[in-house]
Amino acid sequence: MPGQDADDFKPKRRARKPHPERVLKVCPLCATVNVSSASECFRCGWDGDFDTDAGRVQTRVHRIFTPDPRFREALKNGAKAVVSWILKAL
């Protein structure tokens, strides 16, 4: 940079992203993951105390992003199997 020596240059630090366990909480009634700032569960409306245990929050987040093995099998069998699997799940 103009007007700076190479020795004075300090790279900008990236802002650390918070761990999901710090910004999420789990509804004890329906086990839905909610943001920490929410006053009530967006799914069931629970407005009591939420589960903020880091291990349990991490487990619920993992379950969201890990597809059910039956769903993966249905995907292998094509769109008709996926629709059938979804209808059975309802």
Protein backbone atom coordinates (compact mmCIF):
# COMPACT_ATOMS: atom_id res chain seq x y z
CA MET A 1 0.00 0.00 0.00
CA PRO A 2 1.25 3.50 -0.67
CA GLY A 3 2.79 5.14 2.36
CA GLN A 4 3.28 1.87 4.25
CA ASP A 5 6.37 -0.23 4.65
CA ALA A 6 6.07 -3.93 3.95
CA ASP A 7 6.92 -4.56 7.61
CA ASP A 8 3.91 -2.50 8.75
CA PHE A 9 1.44 -4.48 6.66
CA LYS A 10 -0.90 -6.67 8.68
CA PRO A 11 -3.42 -8.86 6.88
CA LYS A 12 -7.04 -8.39 7.86
CA ARG A 13 -8.37 -11.12 10.10
CA ARG A 14 -11.50 -12.83 8.96
CA ALA A 15 -14.37 -12.55 11.33
CA ARG A 16 -14.96 -15.90 12.95
CA LYS A 17 -18.30 -17.47 12.29
CA PRO A 18 -20.02 -18.53 15.48
CA HIS A 19 -20.48 -22.25 16.07
CA PRO A 20 -24.02 -23.45 15.34
CA GLU A 21 -24.36 -24.46 18.99
CA ARG A 22 -24.05 -20.80 20.00
CA VAL A 23 -26.71 -19.41 17.68
CA LEU A 24 -29.19 -22.28 17.72
CA LYS A 25 -31.46 -23.94 20.26
CA VAL A 26 -33.76 -26.95 20.18
CA CYS A 27 -37.44 -26.91 21.04
CA PRO A 28 -38.08 -29.47 23.82
CA LEU A 29 -41.62 -30.06 22.57
CA CYS A 30 -41.10 -30.83 18.87
CA ALA A 31 -37.26 -31.07 18.63
CA THR A 32 -37.11 -28.38 15.94
CA VAL A 33 -33.93 -26.33 15.64
CA ASN A 34 -34.56 -22.60 16.17
CA VAL A 35 -32.31 -19.54 16.17
CA SER A 36 -31.32 -18.41 19.65
CA SER A 37 -32.94 -15.01 19.24
CA ALA A 38 -36.41 -16.50 18.61
CA SER A 39 -38.83 -16.07 21.49
CA GLU A 40 -40.97 -19.02 20.39
CA CYS A 41 -40.58 -22.14 18.25
CA PHE A 42 -41.39 -21.39 14.64
CA ARG A 43 -42.89 -24.87 14.19
CA CYS A 44 -45.07 -25.50 17.24
CA GLY A 45 -45.19 -22.13 19.02
CA TRP A 46 -43.46 -23.29 22.24
CA ASP A 47 -42.43 -20.24 24.25
CA GLY A 48 -40.81 -21.82 27.32
CA ASP A 49 -37.19 -22.77 27.94
CA PHE A 50 -35.28 -24.26 25.02
CA ASP A 51 -32.53 -26.88 25.00
CA THR A 52 -29.20 -25.14 24.40
CA ASP A 53 -26.92 -28.10 25.20
CA ALA A 54 -24.18 -27.99 22.53
CA GLY A 55 -24.16 -31.76 22.01
CA ARG A 56 -27.92 -32.02 21.52
CA VAL A 57 -28.01 -28.99 19.22
CA GLN A 58 -25.21 -30.50 17.14
CA THR A 59 -27.05 -33.84 16.93
CA ARG A 60 -30.26 -32.18 15.70
CA VAL A 61 -28.37 -30.12 13.10
CA HIS A 62 -26.60 -33.28 11.93
CA ARG A 63 -29.95 -35.05 11.53
CA ILE A 64 -31.25 -32.22 9.37
CA PHE A 65 -28.39 -32.59 6.91
CA THR A 66 -28.18 -36.40 6.95
CA PRO A 67 -30.84 -37.87 4.69
CA ASP A 68 -32.85 -40.85 5.83
CA PRO A 69 -31.38 -44.06 4.31
CA ARG A 70 -34.82 -44.93 2.91
CA PHE A 71 -34.88 -41.57 1.13
CA ARG A 72 -31.45 -42.21 -0.40
CA GLU A 73 -32.70 -45.61 -1.64
CA ALA A 74 -35.80 -43.96 -3.11
CA LEU A 75 -33.57 -41.44 -4.91
CA LYS A 76 -31.68 -44.31 -6.52
CA ASN A 77 -34.95 -45.77 -7.80
CA GLY A 78 -36.13 -42.56 -9.48
CA ALA A 79 -38.69 -39.79 -9.06
CA LYS A 80 -41.70 -42.09 -8.71
CA ALA A 81 -40.09 -43.85 -5.74
CA VAL A 82 -39.27 -40.49 -4.12
CA VAL A 83 -42.88 -39.31 -4.38
CA SER A 84 -44.07 -42.64 -2.99
CA TRP A 85 -41.63 -42.40 -0.07
CA ILE A 86 -42.75 -38.85 0.75
CA LEU A 87 -46.43 -39.83 0.68
CA LYS A 88 -45.78 -42.78 3.00
CA ALA A 89 -43.89 -40.50 5.40
CA LEU A 90 -46.92 -38.22 5.70
